[in-house]
Each structure stands twice: as C-alpha cells, then as structure tokens.
Amino acid sequence: MAPQPPSPSPTPEKSDKEVAAEFTSYYLQRATKEFAEDLDKNDALHVLIGALQQGTALFSPEEQRRIVTTAASSTRGA
C-alpha cells in the first residue's frame, strides 16, 4: 500500500507554501518506504533525512503542485 499524502484542504487552490509542505511530507514518506530496510541499519539516519529533504528542492513549484494534486486525487479514488 502506498503512503498516503496529507489530506487535501477543502479549498481546491492551495498556496505554494501549502503545496511545498504537502510535497515534502509525501516525498519523505515515499523515500522512507523505499529505504525502510536501510533505515533500520543506518547509523547516519540524520544525514539521510537531511539529504532527502534537500532533494525536494529539485522539483519546481509546478512539479510539486502536480504531484501533490495527482497523489490527492488518486487517494480519493482508492
């Protein structure tokens, strides 16, 4: 089962800040699932978390909005 992104707000239009926060949460949940076994063994967990958080900066605000919107709509349809 895929990690659930944060619940969408009641208004369809979210601010860039809201989208960025939801995207970061979604991105970290997905990465955590993918690296679950490594996280159990990794002594440098804080380094990995920092690297993952920095990775969110690679996505433009438009890409983040698209991903958050797609993830929210797929969750409602599930």
PDB file of N, CA and C in Angstrom:
ATOM      1  N   MET A   1       0.841  -1.168   0.000  1.00  0.00           N
ATOM      2  CA  MET A   1       0.000   0.000   0.000  1.00  0.00           C
ATOM      3  C   MET A   1       0.893   1.242   0.000  1.00  0.00           C
ATOM      4  N   ALA A   2       0.595   2.188  -0.868  1.00  0.00           N
ATOM      5  CA  ALA A   2       1.387   3.401  -0.988  1.00  0.00           C
ATOM      6  C   ALA A   2       1.118   4.315   0.199  1.00  0.00           C
ATOM      7  N   PRO A   3       2.150   5.061   0.647  1.00  0.00           N
ATOM      8  CA  PRO A   3       1.920   6.001   1.734  1.00  0.00           C
ATOM      9  C   PRO A   3       0.881   7.022   1.322  1.00  0.00           C
ATOM     10  N   GLN A   4       0.088   7.427   2.268  1.00  0.00           N
ATOM     11  CA  GLN A   4      -0.967   8.380   1.991  1.00  0.00           C
ATOM     12  C   GLN A   4      -0.432   9.796   2.108  1.00  0.00           C
ATOM     13  N   PRO A   5      -0.622  10.622   1.074  1.00  0.00           N
ATOM     14  CA  PRO A   5      -0.217  12.021   1.192  1.00  0.00           C
ATOM     15  C   PRO A   5      -1.144  12.721   2.171  1.00  0.00           C
ATOM     16  N   PRO A   6      -0.729  13.866   2.667  1.00  0.00           N
ATOM     17  CA  PRO A   6      -1.589  14.602   3.589  1.00  0.00           C
ATOM     18  C   PRO A   6      -2.960  14.847   2.968  1.00  0.00           C
ATOM     19  N   SER A   7      -3.981  14.913   3.798  1.00  0.00           N
ATOM     20  CA  SER A   7      -5.334  15.150   3.315  1.00  0.00           C
ATOM     21  C   SER A   7      -5.401  16.480   2.601  1.00  0.00           C
ATOM     22  N   PRO A   8      -6.103  16.521   1.477  1.00  0.00           N
ATOM     23  CA  PRO A   8      -6.216  17.785   0.761  1.00  0.00           C
ATOM     24  C   PRO A   8      -7.063  18.761   1.550  1.00  0.00           C
ATOM     25  N   SER A   9      -6.733  20.046   1.401  1.00  0.00           N
ATOM     26  CA  SER A   9      -7.525  21.062   2.087  1.00  0.00           C
ATOM     27  C   SER A   9      -8.865  21.204   1.388  1.00  0.00           C
ATOM     28  N   PRO A  10      -9.869  21.765   2.092  1.00  0.00           N
ATOM     29  CA  PRO A  10     -11.193  21.875   1.489  1.00  0.00           C
ATOM     30  C   PRO A  10     -11.222  22.787   0.261  1.00  0.00           C
ATOM     31  N   THR A  11     -10.284  23.739   0.161  1.00  0.00           N
ATOM     32  CA  THR A  11     -10.253  24.614  -0.999  1.00  0.00           C
ATOM     33  C   THR A  11      -9.374  23.990  -2.069  1.00  0.00           C
ATOM     34  N   PRO A  12      -9.820  24.038  -3.333  1.00  0.00           N
ATOM     35  CA  PRO A  12      -9.052  23.394  -4.396  1.00  0.00           C
ATOM     36  C   PRO A  12      -7.717  24.079  -4.670  1.00  0.00           C
ATOM     37  N   GLU A  13      -7.623  25.363  -4.443  1.00  0.00           N
ATOM     38  CA  GLU A  13      -6.387  26.091  -4.734  1.00  0.00           C
ATOM     39  C   GLU A  13      -5.585  26.263  -3.458  1.00  0.00           C
ATOM     40  N   LYS A  14      -4.405  25.690  -3.440  1.00  0.00           N
ATOM     41  CA  LYS A  14      -3.524  25.779  -2.278  1.00  0.00           C
ATOM     42  C   LYS A  14      -2.408  26.754  -2.590  1.00  0.00           C
ATOM     43  N   SER A  15      -1.886  27.362  -1.553  1.00  0.00           N
ATOM     44  CA  SER A  15      -0.747  28.254  -1.746  1.00  0.00           C
ATOM     45  C   SER A  15       0.486  27.425  -2.065  1.00  0.00           C
ATOM     46  N   ASP A  16       1.486  28.068  -2.638  1.00  0.00           N
ATOM     47  CA  ASP A  16       2.737  27.374  -2.939  1.00  0.00           C
ATOM     48  C   ASP A  16       3.352  26.820  -1.659  1.00  0.00           C
ATOM     49  N   LYS A  17       3.215  27.542  -0.553  1.00  0.00           N
ATOM     50  CA  LYS A  17       3.768  27.091   0.718  1.00  0.00           C
ATOM     51  C   LYS A  17       3.064  25.816   1.192  1.00  0.00           C
ATOM     52  N   GLU A  18       1.743  25.764   1.056  1.00  0.00           N
ATOM     53  CA  GLU A  18       0.986  24.568   1.440  1.00  0.00           C
ATOM     54  C   GLU A  18       1.367  23.383   0.559  1.00  0.00           C
ATOM     55  N   VAL A  19       1.478  23.637  -0.734  1.00  0.00           N
ATOM     56  CA  VAL A  19       1.860  22.566  -1.662  1.00  0.00           C
ATOM     57  C   VAL A  19       3.264  22.064  -1.333  1.00  0.00           C
ATOM     58  N   ALA A  20       4.183  22.973  -1.062  1.00  0.00           N
ATOM     59  CA  ALA A  20       5.553  22.582  -0.741  1.00  0.00           C
ATOM     60  C   ALA A  20       5.593  21.720   0.527  1.00  0.00           C
ATOM     61  N   ALA A  21       4.819  22.082   1.531  1.00  0.00           N
ATOM     62  CA  ALA A  21       4.779  21.306   2.778  1.00  0.00           C
ATOM     63  C   ALA A  21       4.194  19.913   2.522  1.00  0.00           C
ATOM     64  N   GLU A  22       3.105  19.844   1.759  1.00  0.00           N
ATOM     65  CA  GLU A  22       2.498  18.554   1.442  1.00  0.00           C
ATOM     66  C   GLU A  22       3.433  17.701   0.585  1.00  0.00           C
ATOM     67  N   PHE A  23       4.106  18.342  -0.366  1.00  0.00           N
ATOM     68  CA  PHE A  23       5.035  17.614  -1.227  1.00  0.00           C
ATOM     69  C   PHE A  23       6.191  17.042  -0.414  1.00  0.00           C
ATOM     70  N   THR A  24       6.757  17.838   0.479  1.00  0.00           N
ATOM     71  CA  THR A  24       7.853  17.364   1.315  1.00  0.00           C
ATOM     72  C   THR A  24       7.425  16.161   2.138  1.00  0.00           C
ATOM     73  N   SER A  25       6.244  16.238   2.722  1.00  0.00           N
ATOM     74  CA  SER A  25       5.722  15.121   3.504  1.00  0.00           C
ATOM     75  C   SER A  25       5.551  13.877   2.639  1.00  0.00           C
ATOM     76  N   TYR A  26       4.946  14.044   1.477  1.00  0.00           N
ATOM     77  CA  TYR A  26       4.721  12.927   0.558  1.00  0.00           C
ATOM     78  C   TYR A  26       6.053  12.324   0.096  1.00  0.00           C
ATOM     79  N   TYR A  27       6.984  13.180  -0.281  1.00  0.00           N
ATOM     80  CA  TYR A  27       8.303  12.748  -0.765  1.00  0.00           C
ATOM     81  C   TYR A  27       9.040  11.954   0.315  1.00  0.00           C
ATOM     82  N   LEU A  28       9.020  12.455   1.541  1.00  0.00           N
ATOM     83  CA  LEU A  28       9.710  11.770   2.625  1.00  0.00           C
ATOM     84  C   LEU A  28       9.045  10.438   2.967  1.00  0.00           C
ATOM     85  N   GLN A  29       7.717  10.380   2.903  1.00  0.00           N
ATOM     86  CA  GLN A  29       7.011   9.120   3.152  1.00  0.00           C
ATOM     87  C   GLN A  29       7.383   8.078   2.101  1.00  0.00           C
ATOM     88  N   ARG A  30       7.396   8.491   0.846  1.00  0.00           N
ATOM     89  CA  ARG A  30       7.752   7.557  -0.232  1.00  0.00           C
ATOM     90  C   ARG A  30       9.193   7.073  -0.084  1.00  0.00           C
ATOM     91  N   ALA A  31      10.098   7.990   0.184  1.00  0.00           N
ATOM     92  CA  ALA A  31      11.506   7.626   0.330  1.00  0.00           C
ATOM     93  C   ALA A  31      11.706   6.717   1.539  1.00  0.00           C
ATOM     94  N   THR A  32      11.011   6.998   2.619  1.00  0.00           N
ATOM     95  CA  THR A  32      11.112   6.165   3.814  1.00  0.00           C
ATOM     96  C   THR A  32      10.677   4.744   3.513  1.00  0.00           C
ATOM     97  N   LYS A  33       9.599   4.616   2.747  1.00  0.00           N
ATOM     98  CA  LYS A  33       9.129   3.274   2.388  1.00  0.00           C
ATOM     99  C   LYS A  33      10.186   2.556   1.539  1.00  0.00           C
ATOM    100  N   GLU A  34      10.749   3.251   0.569  1.00  0.00           N
ATOM    101  CA  GLU A  34      11.732   2.644  -0.327  1.00  0.00           C
ATOM    102  C   GLU A  34      13.017   2.255   0.406  1.00  0.00           C
ATOM    103  N   PHE A  35      13.407   3.034   1.392  1.00  0.00           N
ATOM    104  CA  PHE A  35      14.662   2.792   2.103  1.00  0.00           C
ATOM    105  C   PHE A  35      14.451   2.161   3.476  1.00  0.00           C
ATOM    106  N   ALA A  36      13.299   1.561   3.715  1.00  0.00           N
ATOM    107  CA  ALA A  36      12.953   1.039   5.040  1.00  0.00           C
ATOM    108  C   ALA A  36      14.021   0.101   5.601  1.00  0.00           C
ATOM    109  N   GLU A  37      14.483  -0.840   4.796  1.00  0.00           N
ATOM    110  CA  GLU A  37      15.494  -1.786   5.291  1.00  0.00           C
ATOM    111  C   GLU A  37      16.803  -1.080   5.619  1.00  0.00           C
ATOM    112  N   ASP A  38      17.200  -0.144   4.771  1.00  0.00           N
ATOM    113  CA  ASP A  38      18.441   0.587   5.009  1.00  0.00           C
ATOM    114  C   ASP A  38      18.337   1.475   6.241  1.00  0.00           C
ATOM    115  N   LEU A  39      17.151   2.027   6.472  1.00  0.00           N
ATOM    116  CA  LEU A  39      16.969   2.900   7.629  1.00  0.00           C
ATOM    117  C   LEU A  39      17.143   2.117   8.930  1.00  0.00           C
ATOM    118  N   ASP A  40      16.753   0.847   8.923  1.00  0.00           N
ATOM    119  CA  ASP A  40      16.920   0.018  10.111  1.00  0.00           C
ATOM    120  C   ASP A  40      18.393  -0.209  10.431  1.00  0.00           C
ATOM    121  N   LYS A  41      19.239  -0.178   9.415  1.00  0.00           N
ATOM    122  CA  LYS A  41      20.668  -0.476   9.586  1.00  0.00           C
ATOM    123  C   LYS A  41      21.533   0.778   9.638  1.00  0.00           C
ATOM    124  N   ASN A  42      20.994   1.901   9.237  1.00  0.00           N
ATOM    125  CA  ASN A  42      21.784   3.103   9.024  1.00  0.00           C
ATOM    126  C   ASN A  42      22.024   3.870  10.317  1.00  0.00           C
ATOM    127  N   ASP A  43      23.299   4.032  10.670  1.00  0.00           N
ATOM    128  CA  ASP A  43      23.661   4.801  11.861  1.00  0.00           C
ATOM    129  C   ASP A  43      23.606   6.310  11.578  1.00  0.00           C
ATOM    130  N   ALA A  44      23.637   6.688  10.324  1.00  0.00           N
ATOM    131  CA  ALA A  44      23.655   8.107   9.955  1.00  0.00           C
ATOM    132  C   ALA A  44      22.283   8.549   9.455  1.00  0.00           C
ATOM    133  N   LEU A  45      21.259   8.196  10.196  1.00  0.00           N
ATOM    134  CA  LEU A  45      19.887   8.495   9.789  1.00  0.00           C
ATOM    135  C   LEU A  45      19.660   9.987   9.574  1.00  0.00           C
ATOM    136  N   HIS A  46      20.202  10.819  10.433  1.00  0.00           N
ATOM    137  CA  HIS A  46      20.003  12.264  10.294  1.00  0.00           C
ATOM    138  C   HIS A  46      20.596  12.794   8.988  1.00  0.00           C
ATOM    139  N   VAL A  47      21.679  12.206   8.523  1.00  0.00           N
ATOM    140  CA  VAL A  47      22.286  12.614   7.253  1.00  0.00           C
ATOM    141  C   VAL A  47      21.360  12.249   6.099  1.00  0.00           C
ATOM    142  N   LEU A  48      20.794  11.045   6.161  1.00  0.00           N
ATOM    143  CA  LEU A  48      19.879  10.611   5.109  1.00  0.00           C
ATOM    144  C   LEU A  48      18.631  11.484   5.068  1.00  0.00           C
ATOM    145  N   ILE A  49      18.079  11.799   6.219  1.00  0.00           N
ATOM    146  CA  ILE A  49      16.884  12.644   6.267  1.00  0.00           C
ATOM    147  C   ILE A  49      17.189  14.018   5.687  1.00  0.00           C
ATOM    148  N   GLY A  50      18.318  14.579   6.044  1.00  0.00           N
ATOM    149  CA  GLY A  50      18.706  15.882   5.504  1.00  0.00           C
ATOM    150  C   GLY A  50      18.858  15.849   3.991  1.00  0.00           C
ATOM    151  N   ALA A  51      19.462  14.783   3.496  1.00  0.00           N
ATOM    152  CA  ALA A  51      19.636  14.649   2.044  1.00  0.00           C
ATOM    153  C   ALA A  51      18.294  14.521   1.341  1.00  0.00           C
ATOM    154  N   LEU A  52      17.381  13.766   1.922  1.00  0.00           N
ATOM    155  CA  LEU A  52      16.054  13.621   1.318  1.00  0.00           C
ATOM    156  C   LEU A  52      15.300  14.945   1.315  1.00  0.00           C
ATOM    157  N   GLN A  53      15.391  15.688   2.396  1.00  0.00           N
ATOM    158  CA  GLN A  53      14.721  16.985   2.450  1.00  0.00           C
ATOM    159  C   GLN A  53      15.291  17.942   1.413  1.00  0.00           C
ATOM    160  N   GLN A  54      16.591  17.908   1.216  1.00  0.00           N
ATOM    161  CA  GLN A  54      17.208  18.757   0.197  1.00  0.00           C
ATOM    162  C   GLN A  54      16.768  18.333  -1.199  1.00  0.00           C
ATOM    163  N   GLY A  55      16.486  17.052  -1.367  1.00  0.00           N
ATOM    164  CA  GLY A  55      16.051  16.538  -2.659  1.00  0.00           C
ATOM    165  C   GLY A  55      14.737  17.134  -3.124  1.00  0.00           C
ATOM    166  N   THR A  56      13.912  17.598  -2.199  1.00  0.00           N
ATOM    167  CA  THR A  56      12.646  18.200  -2.603  1.00  0.00           C
ATOM    168  C   THR A  56      12.871  19.490  -3.391  1.00  0.00           C
ATOM    169  N   ALA A  57      14.017  20.126  -3.185  1.00  0.00           N
ATOM    170  CA  ALA A  57      14.322  21.376  -3.888  1.00  0.00           C
ATOM    171  C   ALA A  57      14.566  21.150  -5.379  1.00  0.00           C
ATOM    172  N   LEU A  58      14.765  19.907  -5.783  1.00  0.00           N
ATOM    173  CA  LEU A  58      14.992  19.605  -7.196  1.00  0.00           C
ATOM    174  C   LEU A  58      13.714  19.716  -8.019  1.00  0.00           C
ATOM    175  N   PHE A  59      12.574  19.748  -7.353  1.00  0.00           N
ATOM    176  CA  PHE A  59      11.287  19.826  -8.039  1.00  0.00           C
ATOM    177  C   PHE A  59      10.790  21.264  -8.032  1.00  0.00           C
ATOM    178  N   SER A  60      10.366  21.737  -9.189  1.00  0.00           N
ATOM    179  CA  SER A  60       9.841  23.097  -9.282  1.00  0.00           C
ATOM    180  C   SER A  60       8.503  23.168  -8.548  1.00  0.00           C
ATOM    181  N   PRO A  61       8.057  24.377  -8.200  1.00  0.00           N
ATOM    182  CA  PRO A  61       6.741  24.509  -7.566  1.00  0.00           C
ATOM    183  C   PRO A  61       5.618  23.905  -8.422  1.00  0.00           C
ATOM    184  N   GLU A  62       5.724  24.021  -9.734  1.00  0.00           N
ATOM    185  CA  GLU A  62       4.707  23.456 -10.626  1.00  0.00           C
ATOM    186  C   GLU A  62       4.711  21.930 -10.556  1.00  0.00           C
ATOM    187  N   GLU A  63       5.911  21.340 -10.522  1.00  0.00           N
ATOM    188  CA  GLU A  63       6.011  19.880 -10.409  1.00  0.00           C
ATOM    189  C   GLU A  63       5.482  19.399  -9.062  1.00  0.00           C
ATOM    190  N   GLN A  64       5.806  20.129  -8.009  1.00  0.00           N
ATOM    191  CA  GLN A  64       5.314  19.767  -6.681  1.00  0.00           C
ATOM    192  C   GLN A  64       3.781  19.809  -6.648  1.00  0.00           C
ATOM    193  N   ARG A  65       3.207  20.866  -7.212  1.00  0.00           N
ATOM    194  CA  ARG A  65       1.750  21.008  -7.232  1.00  0.00           C
ATOM    195  C   ARG A  65       1.122  19.851  -8.017  1.00  0.00           C
ATOM    196  N   ARG A  66       1.702  19.497  -9.150  1.00  0.00           N
ATOM    197  CA  ARG A  66       1.167  18.401  -9.963  1.00  0.00           C
ATOM    198  C   ARG A  66       1.212  17.085  -9.201  1.00  0.00           C
ATOM    199  N   ILE A  67       2.322  16.818  -8.537  1.00  0.00           N
ATOM    200  CA  ILE A  67       2.478  15.572  -7.795  1.00  0.00           C
ATOM    201  C   ILE A  67       1.515  15.513  -6.616  1.00  0.00           C
ATOM    202  N   VAL A  68       1.420  16.599  -5.858  1.00  0.00           N
ATOM    203  CA  VAL A  68       0.503  16.631  -4.709  1.00  0.00           C
ATOM    204  C   VAL A  68      -0.936  16.470  -5.177  1.00  0.00           C
ATOM    205  N   THR A  69      -1.302  17.151  -6.254  1.00  0.00           N
ATOM    206  CA  THR A  69      -2.670  17.065  -6.771  1.00  0.00           C
ATOM    207  C   THR A  69      -2.973  15.663  -7.266  1.00  0.00           C
ATOM    208  N   THR A  70      -2.041  15.064  -7.997  1.00  0.00           N
ATOM    209  CA  THR A  70      -2.233  13.703  -8.506  1.00  0.00           C
ATOM    210  C   THR A  70      -2.337  12.704  -7.363  1.00  0.00           C
ATOM    211  N   ALA A  71      -1.471  12.839  -6.362  1.00  0.00           N
ATOM    212  CA  ALA A  71      -1.495  11.915  -5.228  1.00  0.00           C
ATOM    213  C   ALA A  71      -2.803  12.062  -4.449  1.00  0.00           C
ATOM    214  N   ALA A  72      -3.272  13.288  -4.282  1.00  0.00           N
ATOM    215  CA  ALA A  72      -4.532  13.505  -3.557  1.00  0.00           C
ATOM    216  C   ALA A  72      -5.717  12.930  -4.317  1.00  0.00           C
ATOM    217  N   SER A  73      -5.745  13.096  -5.643  1.00  0.00           N
ATOM    218  CA  SER A  73      -6.871  12.586  -6.419  1.00  0.00           C
ATOM    219  C   SER A  73      -6.848  11.065  -6.505  1.00  0.00           C
ATOM    220  N   SER A  74      -5.659  10.464  -6.519  1.00  0.00           N
ATOM    221  CA  SER A  74      -5.581   9.003  -6.555  1.00  0.00           C
ATOM    222  C   SER A  74      -5.978   8.413  -5.207  1.00  0.00           C
ATOM    223  N   THR A  75      -5.741   9.135  -4.139  1.00  0.00           N
ATOM    224  CA  THR A  75      -6.145   8.676  -2.811  1.00  0.00           C
ATOM    225  C   THR A  75      -7.656   8.698  -2.668  1.00  0.00           C
ATOM    226  N   ARG A  76      -8.290   9.722  -3.215  1.00  0.00           N
ATOM    227  CA  ARG A  76      -9.756   9.812  -3.148  1.00  0.00           C
ATOM    228  C   ARG A  76     -10.403   8.740  -3.989  1.00  0.00           C
ATOM    229  N   GLY A  77      -9.758   8.324  -5.059  1.00  0.00           N
ATOM    230  CA  GLY A  77     -10.332   7.306  -5.939  1.00  0.00           C
ATOM    231  C   GLY A  77     -10.073   5.885  -5.460  1.00  0.00           C
ATOM    232  N   ALA A  78      -9.225   5.743  -4.456  1.00  0.00           N
ATOM    233  CA  ALA A  78      -8.868   4.394  -3.966  1.00  0.00           C
ATOM    234  C   ALA A  78      -9.874   3.841  -2.998  1.00  0.00           C
TER     235      ALA A  78
END
